[in-house]
Amino acid sequence: MDPSETTNAALRPVESHGLLHEMIRSFTTLAQTLNLSHAVKELGSTRQTVRRHITQLEEAKGEALFVVEDRQYRLTEAGARALPEALSILARGNAWLNNSLGHIDGLQVFSSTLPDGWCFWQQQHSLGRIWASSSCLQREMVRSWCMAAGDIESPHMEHVRPYLIVYRHTSAGWICVEFGAQSFFVKWFGLAKARSSVGRSLGRMPGGEDFARMLDEPFHEVQSTQSLRLDHVYTLVPSHPDGILKPVNYHRLMLGGRFPDGSLALYSLVEPSSDIEILGHDPSKIVQPSADIVVNLDPADAKFER
């Protein structure tokens, strides 16, 4: 074959599938139930339709997603690899259709508002904002993280570690393994609740499975790439001890890290601030953080600010 023919073939557009959304819904539902009857009932579809969707998807991808043994469905290796992204596509698609997801200069904006008034607004920001921030804590955190090469036990992390929430990802989800004594979680909920929460999975906010998946994406992104991400967030959080929902706005800096055994960790620095910018969010709702929840590092204690 002439090399130019190979190039031209590679450039030809892939056939469009108008039922792609339904095909992915059938795949993800069957992948999660591994039972055709249960999947059909959950989808409100028919056995023939679900089977057809799976066949079309396998033909389009060029690989088998399931094997059937004794009438029992089982994901192939390719199917298991495809499932997380398929679920993410559905979650992002639903959020986009609901005008809950967008991008500004390639950075994500995400929100969710429920009928009872609860809401969550999040906008990703350029890391350049760290260097322009009036607070030195974020800059100190990034510099310490770099000097420590992400190692949580490094001496370079000692002075900033008290401000962090440390997570590990497990089959049960994101597990909180450490709450720094100066972290926002401790300041907001108290030390007793923080100690009681160690080892528990990250609690789900209201909003459903698609919302939960959208919230998890930044965590997976930062841990997988061992990189950084900065978000501005506005939401309602139960207060301590009365549990009444109260507004809070903050900067969240997430950093990929490592535990002493080399396994992956994720560090989260939550810094309450009224200096937040979120597209579509009403600026009049932004609250001034009270002195008892402010998380800030005295420049005199910084190693790298001087």
C-alpha atoms as a PDB file:
ATOM      1  CA  MET A   1       0.000   0.000   0.000  1.00  0.00           C
ATOM      2  CA  ASP A   2       1.209   3.476  -0.837  1.00  0.00           C
ATOM      3  CA  PRO A   3       2.156   5.426   2.360  1.00  0.00           C
ATOM      4  CA  SER A   4      -0.092   8.273   1.277  1.00  0.00           C
ATOM      5  CA  GLU A   5      -3.062   5.891   1.216  1.00  0.00           C
ATOM      6  CA  THR A   6      -2.365   4.946   4.837  1.00  0.00           C
ATOM      7  CA  THR A   7      -2.222   8.616   5.814  1.00  0.00           C
ATOM      8  CA  ASN A   8      -5.444   9.410   3.984  1.00  0.00           C
ATOM      9  CA  ALA A   9      -7.193   6.475   5.641  1.00  0.00           C
ATOM     10  CA  ALA A  10      -6.138   7.707   9.057  1.00  0.00           C
ATOM     11  CA  LEU A  11      -7.557  11.142   8.302  1.00  0.00           C
ATOM     12  CA  ARG A  12     -10.988   9.901   7.243  1.00  0.00           C
ATOM     13  CA  PRO A  13     -13.681  10.782   9.800  1.00  0.00           C
ATOM     14  CA  VAL A  14     -14.911   7.941  11.979  1.00  0.00           C
ATOM     15  CA  GLU A  15     -18.536   6.999  11.354  1.00  0.00           C
ATOM     16  CA  SER A  16     -20.844   9.002  13.611  1.00  0.00           C
ATOM     17  CA  HIS A  17     -23.200   7.078  15.887  1.00  0.00           C
ATOM     18  CA  GLY A  18     -26.414   8.964  16.598  1.00  0.00           C
ATOM     19  CA  LEU A  19     -27.270   6.586  19.432  1.00  0.00           C
ATOM     20  CA  LEU A  20     -23.896   6.915  21.158  1.00  0.00           C
ATOM     21  CA  HIS A  21     -25.411   8.238  24.395  1.00  0.00           C
ATOM     22  CA  GLU A  22     -27.873   5.336  24.593  1.00  0.00           C
ATOM     23  CA  MET A  23     -25.153   2.850  23.657  1.00  0.00           C
ATOM     24  CA  ILE A  24     -22.973   4.106  26.509  1.00  0.00           C
ATOM     25  CA  ARG A  25     -25.936   4.028  28.919  1.00  0.00           C
ATOM     26  CA  SER A  26     -26.589   0.406  28.011  1.00  0.00           C
ATOM     27  CA  PHE A  27     -22.904  -0.461  28.405  1.00  0.00           C
ATOM     28  CA  THR A  28     -22.450   1.247  31.792  1.00  0.00           C
ATOM     29  CA  THR A  29     -25.693  -0.113  33.219  1.00  0.00           C
ATOM     30  CA  LEU A  30     -24.932  -3.679  32.160  1.00  0.00           C
ATOM     31  CA  ALA A  31     -21.320  -3.286  33.342  1.00  0.00           C
ATOM     32  CA  GLN A  32     -22.522  -2.252  36.793  1.00  0.00           C
ATOM     33  CA  THR A  33     -25.240  -4.907  37.130  1.00  0.00           C
ATOM     34  CA  LEU A  34     -23.677  -7.719  35.059  1.00  0.00           C
ATOM     35  CA  ASN A  35     -27.243  -8.941  34.694  1.00  0.00           C
ATOM     36  CA  LEU A  36     -29.172  -8.355  31.470  1.00  0.00           C
ATOM     37  CA  SER A  37     -32.605  -8.510  33.096  1.00  0.00           C
ATOM     38  CA  HIS A  38     -31.632  -6.014  35.786  1.00  0.00           C
ATOM     39  CA  ALA A  39     -30.051  -3.696  33.214  1.00  0.00           C
ATOM     40  CA  VAL A  40     -33.164  -3.807  31.014  1.00  0.00           C
ATOM     41  CA  LYS A  41     -35.388  -2.955  33.982  1.00  0.00           C
ATOM     42  CA  GLU A  42     -33.163  -0.091  35.114  1.00  0.00           C
ATOM     43  CA  LEU A  43     -32.981   1.347  31.601  1.00  0.00           C
ATOM     44  CA  GLY A  44     -36.663   0.844  30.838  1.00  0.00           C
ATOM     45  CA  SER A  45     -35.593  -0.853  27.627  1.00  0.00           C
ATOM     46  CA  THR A  46     -35.700  -4.326  26.051  1.00  0.00           C
ATOM     47  CA  ARG A  47     -33.212  -7.183  25.993  1.00  0.00           C
ATOM     48  CA  GLN A  48     -32.897  -6.883  22.206  1.00  0.00           C
ATOM     49  CA  THR A  49     -32.137  -3.160  22.398  1.00  0.00           C
ATOM     50  CA  VAL A  50     -29.493  -3.515  25.093  1.00  0.00           C
ATOM     51  CA  ARG A  51     -27.816  -6.380  23.237  1.00  0.00           C
ATOM     52  CA  ARG A  52     -27.861  -4.345  20.014  1.00  0.00           C
ATOM     53  CA  HIS A  53     -26.303  -1.335  21.750  1.00  0.00           C
ATOM     54  CA  ILE A  54     -23.510  -3.483  23.176  1.00  0.00           C
ATOM     55  CA  THR A  55     -22.835  -5.079  19.784  1.00  0.00           C
ATOM     56  CA  GLN A  56     -22.740  -1.674  18.072  1.00  0.00           C
ATOM     57  CA  LEU A  57     -20.382  -0.308  20.696  1.00  0.00           C
ATOM     58  CA  GLU A  58     -18.070  -3.313  20.457  1.00  0.00           C
ATOM     59  CA  GLU A  59     -18.007  -3.048  16.647  1.00  0.00           C
ATOM     60  CA  ALA A  60     -17.249   0.671  16.807  1.00  0.00           C
ATOM     61  CA  LYS A  61     -14.433   0.177  19.329  1.00  0.00           C
ATOM     62  CA  GLY A  62     -13.141  -2.956  17.667  1.00  0.00           C
ATOM     63  CA  GLU A  63     -12.965  -4.989  20.867  1.00  0.00           C
ATOM     64  CA  ALA A  64     -15.190  -7.139  23.045  1.00  0.00           C
ATOM     65  CA  LEU A  65     -16.478  -5.456  26.182  1.00  0.00           C
ATOM     66  CA  PHE A  66     -18.197  -8.494  27.708  1.00  0.00           C
ATOM     67  CA  VAL A  67     -17.962 -12.265  27.720  1.00  0.00           C
ATOM     68  CA  VAL A  68     -20.946 -14.430  28.641  1.00  0.00           C
ATOM     69  CA  GLU A  69     -20.323 -17.596  30.633  1.00  0.00           C
ATOM     70  CA  ASP A  70     -23.267 -19.722  31.785  1.00  0.00           C
ATOM     71  CA  ARG A  71     -25.583 -16.792  30.964  1.00  0.00           C
ATOM     72  CA  GLN A  72     -23.571 -14.574  33.296  1.00  0.00           C
ATOM     73  CA  TYR A  73     -22.040 -11.373  31.891  1.00  0.00           C
ATOM     74  CA  ARG A  74     -18.476 -10.503  32.783  1.00  0.00           C
ATOM     75  CA  LEU A  75     -16.412  -7.519  31.714  1.00  0.00           C
ATOM     76  CA  THR A  76     -13.394  -8.197  29.552  1.00  0.00           C
ATOM     77  CA  GLU A  77     -10.141  -6.397  30.297  1.00  0.00           C
ATOM     78  CA  ALA A  78     -11.053  -3.895  27.575  1.00  0.00           C
ATOM     79  CA  GLY A  79     -14.512  -3.441  29.101  1.00  0.00           C
ATOM     80  CA  ALA A  80     -13.072  -2.778  32.553  1.00  0.00           C
ATOM     81  CA  ARG A  81     -10.714  -0.183  31.059  1.00  0.00           C
ATOM     82  CA  ALA A  82     -13.562   1.480  29.171  1.00  0.00           C
ATOM     83  CA  LEU A  83     -16.013   1.717  32.084  1.00  0.00           C
ATOM     84  CA  PRO A  84     -14.569   4.664  34.078  1.00  0.00           C
ATOM     85  CA  GLU A  85     -14.350   6.892  31.004  1.00  0.00           C
ATOM     86  CA  ALA A  86     -17.809   5.831  29.836  1.00  0.00           C
ATOM     87  CA  LEU A  87     -19.280   6.811  33.213  1.00  0.00           C
ATOM     88  CA  SER A  88     -17.395  10.091  33.066  1.00  0.00           C
ATOM     89  CA  ILE A  89     -18.717  10.821  29.558  1.00  0.00           C
ATOM     90  CA  LEU A  90     -22.284  10.330  30.782  1.00  0.00           C
ATOM     91  CA  ALA A  91     -21.750  12.501  33.854  1.00  0.00           C
ATOM     92  CA  ARG A  92     -20.137  15.309  31.851  1.00  0.00           C
ATOM     93  CA  GLY A  93     -22.788  15.039  29.137  1.00  0.00           C
ATOM     94  CA  ASN A  94     -25.643  15.293  31.628  1.00  0.00           C
ATOM     95  CA  ALA A  95     -23.973  18.231  33.397  1.00  0.00           C
ATOM     96  CA  TRP A  96     -23.415  19.995  30.068  1.00  0.00           C
ATOM     97  CA  LEU A  97     -27.059  19.492  29.033  1.00  0.00           C
ATOM     98  CA  ASN A  98     -28.146  20.952  32.389  1.00  0.00           C
ATOM     99  CA  ASN A  99     -25.868  23.988  31.884  1.00  0.00           C
ATOM    100  CA  SER A 100     -23.897  22.857  34.941  1.00  0.00           C
ATOM    101  CA  LEU A 101     -20.577  22.328  33.178  1.00  0.00           C
ATOM    102  CA  GLY A 102     -18.437  24.563  31.018  1.00  0.00           C
ATOM    103  CA  HIS A 103     -14.910  25.820  30.449  1.00  0.00           C
ATOM    104  CA  ILE A 104     -13.144  29.177  30.474  1.00  0.00           C
ATOM    105  CA  ASP A 105      -9.811  29.217  28.629  1.00  0.00           C
ATOM    106  CA  GLY A 106      -9.678  25.447  28.985  1.00  0.00           C
ATOM    107  CA  LEU A 107     -10.343  25.479  32.749  1.00  0.00           C
ATOM    108  CA  GLN A 108     -13.440  23.816  34.182  1.00  0.00           C
ATOM    109  CA  VAL A 109     -16.485  25.550  35.674  1.00  0.00           C
ATOM    110  CA  PHE A 110     -19.016  23.310  37.428  1.00  0.00           C
ATOM    111  CA  SER A 111     -22.111  23.932  39.522  1.00  0.00           C
ATOM    112  CA  SER A 112     -25.152  22.193  40.992  1.00  0.00           C
ATOM    113  CA  THR A 113     -28.217  23.690  42.657  1.00  0.00           C
ATOM    114  CA  LEU A 114     -30.967  21.595  44.246  1.00  0.00           C
ATOM    115  CA  PRO A 115     -34.631  22.557  44.788  1.00  0.00           C
ATOM    116  CA  ASP A 116     -34.076  22.802  48.567  1.00  0.00           C
ATOM    117  CA  GLY A 117     -31.525  25.592  48.050  1.00  0.00           C
ATOM    118  CA  TRP A 118     -28.322  23.597  48.538  1.00  0.00           C
ATOM    119  CA  CYS A 119     -25.692  24.481  45.951  1.00  0.00           C
ATOM    120  CA  PHE A 120     -22.114  23.879  44.920  1.00  0.00           C
ATOM    121  CA  TRP A 121     -20.119  26.158  42.606  1.00  0.00           C
ATOM    122  CA  GLN A 122     -16.558  25.422  41.478  1.00  0.00           C
ATOM    123  CA  GLN A 123     -14.244  27.113  38.995  1.00  0.00           C
ATOM    124  CA  GLN A 124     -10.748  25.938  38.178  1.00  0.00           C
ATOM    125  CA  HIS A 125      -8.125  28.688  38.000  1.00  0.00           C
ATOM    126  CA  SER A 126      -4.673  29.117  36.566  1.00  0.00           C
ATOM    127  CA  LEU A 127      -1.835  28.265  38.938  1.00  0.00           C
ATOM    128  CA  GLY A 128      -0.502  31.744  38.173  1.00  0.00           C
ATOM    129  CA  ARG A 129      -3.037  33.095  40.684  1.00  0.00           C
ATOM    130  CA  ILE A 130      -1.034  31.458  43.461  1.00  0.00           C
ATOM    131  CA  TRP A 131       1.889  33.805  42.912  1.00  0.00           C
ATOM    132  CA  ALA A 132      -0.392  36.869  42.906  1.00  0.00           C
ATOM    133  CA  SER A 133      -2.307  35.836  46.046  1.00  0.00           C
ATOM    134  CA  SER A 134      -2.210  38.075  49.111  1.00  0.00           C
ATOM    135  CA  SER A 135      -1.748  34.971  51.264  1.00  0.00           C
ATOM    136  CA  CYS A 136       1.654  33.332  51.374  1.00  0.00           C
ATOM    137  CA  LEU A 137       0.266  29.912  52.397  1.00  0.00           C
ATOM    138  CA  GLN A 138      -0.434  28.644  48.877  1.00  0.00           C
ATOM    139  CA  ARG A 139       2.988  29.771  47.635  1.00  0.00           C
ATOM    140  CA  GLU A 140       4.680  28.197  50.635  1.00  0.00           C
ATOM    141  CA  MET A 141       2.739  24.983  50.076  1.00  0.00           C
ATOM    142  CA  VAL A 142       3.794  24.701  46.437  1.00  0.00           C
ATOM    143  CA  ARG A 143       7.435  25.456  47.171  1.00  0.00           C
ATOM    144  CA  SER A 144       7.537  23.000  50.084  1.00  0.00           C
ATOM    145  CA  TRP A 145       5.857  20.329  47.942  1.00  0.00           C
ATOM    146  CA  CYS A 146       8.460  20.840  45.223  1.00  0.00           C
ATOM    147  CA  MET A 147      11.372  20.698  47.657  1.00  0.00           C
ATOM    148  CA  ALA A 148       9.896  17.546  49.217  1.00  0.00           C
ATOM    149  CA  ALA A 149       9.299  15.927  45.801  1.00  0.00           C
ATOM    150  CA  GLY A 150       5.786  15.222  47.054  1.00  0.00           C
ATOM    151  CA  ASP A 151       6.952  13.117  50.036  1.00  0.00           C
ATOM    152  CA  ILE A 152       4.612  13.697  52.993  1.00  0.00           C
ATOM    153  CA  GLU A 153       7.319  12.779  55.498  1.00  0.00           C
ATOM    154  CA  SER A 154       9.950  15.131  54.089  1.00  0.00           C
ATOM    155  CA  PRO A 155      11.287  17.789  56.504  1.00  0.00           C
ATOM    156  CA  HIS A 156      10.357  20.348  53.852  1.00  0.00           C
ATOM    157  CA  MET A 157       6.675  19.568  54.522  1.00  0.00           C
ATOM    158  CA  GLU A 158       6.762  19.824  58.318  1.00  0.00           C
ATOM    159  CA  HIS A 159       5.719  23.473  58.645  1.00  0.00           C
ATOM    160  CA  VAL A 160       2.876  23.280  56.068  1.00  0.00           C
ATOM    161  CA  ARG A 161       1.565  19.794  56.844  1.00  0.00           C
ATOM    162  CA  PRO A 162      -0.701  21.026  59.713  1.00  0.00           C
ATOM    163  CA  TYR A 163      -2.807  22.909  57.129  1.00  0.00           C
ATOM    164  CA  LEU A 164      -3.475  19.865  54.934  1.00  0.00           C
ATOM    165  CA  ILE A 165      -6.143  17.208  54.611  1.00  0.00           C
ATOM    166  CA  VAL A 166      -4.502  14.020  53.315  1.00  0.00           C
ATOM    167  CA  TYR A 167      -6.406  11.444  51.257  1.00  0.00           C
ATOM    168  CA  ARG A 168      -5.775   7.960  49.941  1.00  0.00           C
ATOM    169  CA  HIS A 169      -7.863   6.393  47.171  1.00  0.00           C
ATOM    170  CA  THR A 170      -9.210   2.904  47.844  1.00  0.00           C
ATOM    171  CA  SER A 171     -11.863   0.605  46.407  1.00  0.00           C
ATOM    172  CA  ALA A 172     -14.285   2.271  48.834  1.00  0.00           C
ATOM    173  CA  GLY A 173     -13.482   5.719  47.460  1.00  0.00           C
ATOM    174  CA  TRP A 174     -11.377   8.581  48.835  1.00  0.00           C
ATOM    175  CA  ILE A 175     -10.351   7.947  52.445  1.00  0.00           C
ATOM    176  CA  CYS A 176      -9.288  10.761  54.779  1.00  0.00           C
ATOM    177  CA  VAL A 177      -6.145   9.582  56.555  1.00  0.00           C
ATOM    178  CA  GLU A 178      -5.029  12.811  58.192  1.00  0.00           C
ATOM    179  CA  PHE A 179      -6.514  16.174  59.198  1.00  0.00           C
ATOM    180  CA  GLY A 180      -3.933  18.836  59.995  1.00  0.00           C
ATOM    181  CA  ALA A 181      -4.539  20.662  63.272  1.00  0.00           C
ATOM    182  CA  GLN A 182      -4.694  23.981  61.383  1.00  0.00           C
ATOM    183  CA  SER A 183      -6.770  22.684  58.477  1.00  0.00           C
ATOM    184  CA  PHE A 184     -10.128  24.170  57.527  1.00  0.00           C
ATOM    185  CA  PHE A 185     -11.908  20.903  58.389  1.00  0.00           C
ATOM    186  CA  VAL A 186     -10.673  21.054  61.983  1.00  0.00           C
ATOM    187  CA  LYS A 187     -11.456  24.757  62.316  1.00  0.00           C
ATOM    188  CA  TRP A 188     -14.979  24.287  60.926  1.00  0.00           C
ATOM    189  CA  PHE A 189     -16.024  20.973  62.500  1.00  0.00           C
ATOM    190  CA  GLY A 190     -13.738  20.728  65.506  1.00  0.00           C
ATOM    191  CA  LEU A 191     -10.902  18.387  66.429  1.00  0.00           C
ATOM    192  CA  ALA A 192     -13.163  15.657  67.851  1.00  0.00           C
ATOM    193  CA  LYS A 193     -15.098  15.254  64.594  1.00  0.00           C
ATOM    194  CA  ALA A 194     -11.873  15.353  62.599  1.00  0.00           C
ATOM    195  CA  ARG A 195     -10.357  12.559  64.662  1.00  0.00           C
ATOM    196  CA  SER A 196     -13.567  10.559  64.319  1.00  0.00           C
ATOM    197  CA  SER A 197     -13.477  11.008  60.531  1.00  0.00           C
ATOM    198  CA  VAL A 198      -9.974   9.587  59.996  1.00  0.00           C
ATOM    199  CA  GLY A 199     -10.198   6.393  57.966  1.00  0.00           C
ATOM    200  CA  ARG A 200     -13.695   7.115  56.701  1.00  0.00           C
ATOM    201  CA  SER A 201     -14.534   7.567  53.036  1.00  0.00           C
ATOM    202  CA  LEU A 202     -15.116  11.068  51.737  1.00  0.00           C
ATOM    203  CA  GLY A 203     -18.798  11.793  52.411  1.00  0.00           C
ATOM    204  CA  ARG A 204     -21.085  12.286  49.438  1.00  0.00           C
ATOM    205  CA  MET A 205     -22.672  15.686  48.999  1.00  0.00           C
ATOM    206  CA  PRO A 206     -26.250  15.958  47.758  1.00  0.00           C
ATOM    207  CA  GLY A 207     -26.623  15.902  43.995  1.00  0.00           C
ATOM    208  CA  GLY A 208     -26.643  12.273  42.868  1.00  0.00           C
ATOM    209  CA  GLU A 209     -24.138   9.965  41.190  1.00  0.00           C
ATOM    210  CA  ASP A 210     -23.309  12.221  38.227  1.00  0.00           C
ATOM    211  CA  PHE A 211     -22.514  15.073  40.601  1.00  0.00           C
ATOM    212  CA  ALA A 212     -20.373  12.798  42.775  1.00  0.00           C
ATOM    213  CA  ARG A 213     -18.448  11.636  39.721  1.00  0.00           C
ATOM    214  CA  MET A 214     -17.838  15.234  38.623  1.00  0.00           C
ATOM    215  CA  LEU A 215     -16.542  16.055  42.106  1.00  0.00           C
ATOM    216  CA  ASP A 216     -14.195  13.058  42.051  1.00  0.00           C
ATOM    217  CA  GLU A 217     -12.647  13.930  38.681  1.00  0.00           C
ATOM    218  CA  PRO A 218     -10.263  16.626  39.988  1.00  0.00           C
ATOM    219  CA  PHE A 219      -9.071  14.275  42.738  1.00  0.00           C
ATOM    220  CA  HIS A 220      -8.311  11.496  40.252  1.00  0.00           C
ATOM    221  CA  GLU A 221      -6.687  13.948  37.840  1.00  0.00           C
ATOM    222  CA  VAL A 222      -4.298  15.360  40.453  1.00  0.00           C
ATOM    223  CA  GLN A 223      -3.372  12.001  41.966  1.00  0.00           C
ATOM    224  CA  SER A 224      -2.889  10.286  38.596  1.00  0.00           C
ATOM    225  CA  THR A 225      -0.743  13.080  37.157  1.00  0.00           C
ATOM    226  CA  GLN A 226       0.923  13.892  40.507  1.00  0.00           C
ATOM    227  CA  SER A 227       0.341  17.520  39.657  1.00  0.00           C
ATOM    228  CA  LEU A 228      -1.460  20.588  41.051  1.00  0.00           C
ATOM    229  CA  ARG A 229      -4.916  22.095  40.692  1.00  0.00           C
ATOM    230  CA  LEU A 230      -6.421  25.316  42.048  1.00  0.00           C
ATOM    231  CA  ASP A 231     -10.202  25.817  42.367  1.00  0.00           C
ATOM    232  CA  HIS A 232     -12.439  28.508  43.800  1.00  0.00           C
ATOM    233  CA  VAL A 233     -15.491  27.021  45.548  1.00  0.00           C
ATOM    234  CA  TYR A 234     -18.740  28.305  47.037  1.00  0.00           C
ATOM    235  CA  THR A 235     -21.109  25.916  48.802  1.00  0.00           C
ATOM    236  CA  LEU A 236     -23.229  25.313  51.892  1.00  0.00           C
ATOM    237  CA  VAL A 237     -21.679  23.264  54.692  1.00  0.00           C
ATOM    238  CA  PRO A 238     -23.265  22.011  57.960  1.00  0.00           C
ATOM    239  CA  SER A 239     -21.991  24.063  60.878  1.00  0.00           C
ATOM    240  CA  HIS A 240     -20.777  22.613  64.148  1.00  0.00           C
ATOM    241  CA  PRO A 241     -22.468  21.734  66.442  1.00  0.00           C
ATOM    242  CA  ASP A 242     -26.004  22.655  65.293  1.00  0.00           C
ATOM    243  CA  GLY A 243     -25.669  21.218  61.756  1.00  0.00           C
ATOM    244  CA  ILE A 244     -27.316  24.237  60.108  1.00  0.00           C
ATOM    245  CA  LEU A 245     -26.153  24.756  56.525  1.00  0.00           C
ATOM    246  CA  LYS A 246     -24.023  27.863  56.214  1.00  0.00           C
ATOM    247  CA  PRO A 247     -22.334  29.404  53.169  1.00  0.00           C
ATOM    248  CA  VAL A 248     -18.589  29.162  52.799  1.00  0.00           C
ATOM    249  CA  ASN A 249     -16.286  30.235  49.968  1.00  0.00           C
ATOM    250  CA  TYR A 250     -12.716  29.095  49.662  1.00  0.00           C
ATOM    251  CA  HIS A 251      -9.667  28.405  47.540  1.00  0.00           C
ATOM    252  CA  ARG A 252      -8.782  24.712  47.233  1.00  0.00           C
ATOM    253  CA  LEU A 253      -5.282  23.745  46.207  1.00  0.00           C
ATOM    254  CA  MET A 254      -4.774  20.032  45.556  1.00  0.00           C
ATOM    255  CA  LEU A 255      -1.362  18.409  45.180  1.00  0.00           C
ATOM    256  CA  GLY A 256      -0.345  14.866  44.278  1.00  0.00           C
ATOM    257  CA  GLY A 257       1.939  13.217  46.822  1.00  0.00           C
ATOM    258  CA  ARG A 258       3.408  10.024  48.204  1.00  0.00           C
ATOM    259  CA  PHE A 259       3.226   8.086  51.449  1.00  0.00           C
ATOM    260  CA  PRO A 260       6.426   6.608  52.983  1.00  0.00           C
ATOM    261  CA  ASP A 261       5.832   3.264  51.218  1.00  0.00           C
ATOM    262  CA  GLY A 262       5.694   5.012  47.853  1.00  0.00           C
ATOM    263  CA  SER A 263       1.924   4.686  47.405  1.00  0.00           C
ATOM    264  CA  LEU A 264       0.023   7.671  46.035  1.00  0.00           C
ATOM    265  CA  ALA A 265      -1.480  10.345  48.248  1.00  0.00           C
ATOM    266  CA  LEU A 266      -3.463  13.499  47.657  1.00  0.00           C
ATOM    267  CA  TYR A 267      -3.085  16.691  49.681  1.00  0.00           C
ATOM    268  CA  SER A 268      -5.839  19.291  49.905  1.00  0.00           C
ATOM    269  CA  LEU A 269      -5.312  22.813  51.196  1.00  0.00           C
ATOM    270  CA  VAL A 270      -8.650  24.582  51.779  1.00  0.00           C
ATOM    271  CA  GLU A 271      -8.264  28.292  52.508  1.00  0.00           C
ATOM    272  CA  PRO A 272     -11.454  30.307  53.191  1.00  0.00           C
ATOM    273  CA  SER A 273     -11.419  33.549  51.224  1.00  0.00           C
ATOM    274  CA  SER A 274     -13.798  36.215  49.960  1.00  0.00           C
ATOM    275  CA  ASP A 275     -11.540  36.687  46.940  1.00  0.00           C
ATOM    276  CA  ILE A 276     -13.222  34.097  44.728  1.00  0.00           C
ATOM    277  CA  GLU A 277     -14.215  34.224  41.082  1.00  0.00           C
ATOM    278  CA  ILE A 278     -16.791  31.782  39.693  1.00  0.00           C
ATOM    279  CA  LEU A 279     -18.583  32.372  36.406  1.00  0.00           C
ATOM    280  CA  GLY A 280     -22.360  32.661  36.850  1.00  0.00           C
ATOM    281  CA  HIS A 281     -22.233  32.821  40.637  1.00  0.00           C
ATOM    282  CA  ASP A 282     -23.893  35.795  42.333  1.00  0.00           C
ATOM    283  CA  PRO A 283     -21.037  37.831  43.896  1.00  0.00           C
ATOM    284  CA  SER A 284     -23.422  39.241  46.504  1.00  0.00           C
ATOM    285  CA  LYS A 285     -23.634  35.784  48.105  1.00  0.00           C
ATOM    286  CA  ILE A 286     -19.913  35.634  48.847  1.00  0.00           C
ATOM    287  CA  VAL A 287     -19.308  35.770  52.608  1.00  0.00           C
ATOM    288  CA  GLN A 288     -16.395  37.191  54.560  1.00  0.00           C
ATOM    289  CA  PRO A 289     -14.732  34.303  56.440  1.00  0.00           C
ATOM    290  CA  SER A 290     -14.887  34.689  60.218  1.00  0.00           C
ATOM    291  CA  ALA A 291     -11.644  34.896  62.141  1.00  0.00           C
ATOM    292  CA  ASP A 292     -12.131  31.446  63.706  1.00  0.00           C
ATOM    293  CA  ILE A 293     -12.005  29.621  60.357  1.00  0.00           C
ATOM    294  CA  VAL A 294      -9.312  31.656  58.600  1.00  0.00           C
ATOM    295  CA  VAL A 295      -6.425  29.462  57.499  1.00  0.00           C
ATOM    296  CA  ASN A 296      -3.265  31.437  56.960  1.00  0.00           C
ATOM    297  CA  LEU A 297       0.454  31.125  57.465  1.00  0.00           C
ATOM    298  CA  ASP A 298       2.367  33.906  59.178  1.00  0.00           C
ATOM    299  CA  PRO A 299       5.058  35.043  56.711  1.00  0.00           C
ATOM    300  CA  ALA A 300       7.481  34.984  59.638  1.00  0.00           C
ATOM    301  CA  ASP A 301       7.026  31.177  59.752  1.00  0.00           C
ATOM    302  CA  ALA A 302       7.598  30.737  56.028  1.00  0.00           C
ATOM    303  CA  LYS A 303      10.848  29.225  54.838  1.00  0.00           C
ATOM    304  CA  PHE A 304      10.594  30.378  51.241  1.00  0.00           C
ATOM    305  CA  GLU A 305       8.899  33.791  51.481  1.00  0.00           C
ATOM    306  CA  ARG A 306      11.920  35.510  52.915  1.00  0.00           C
END
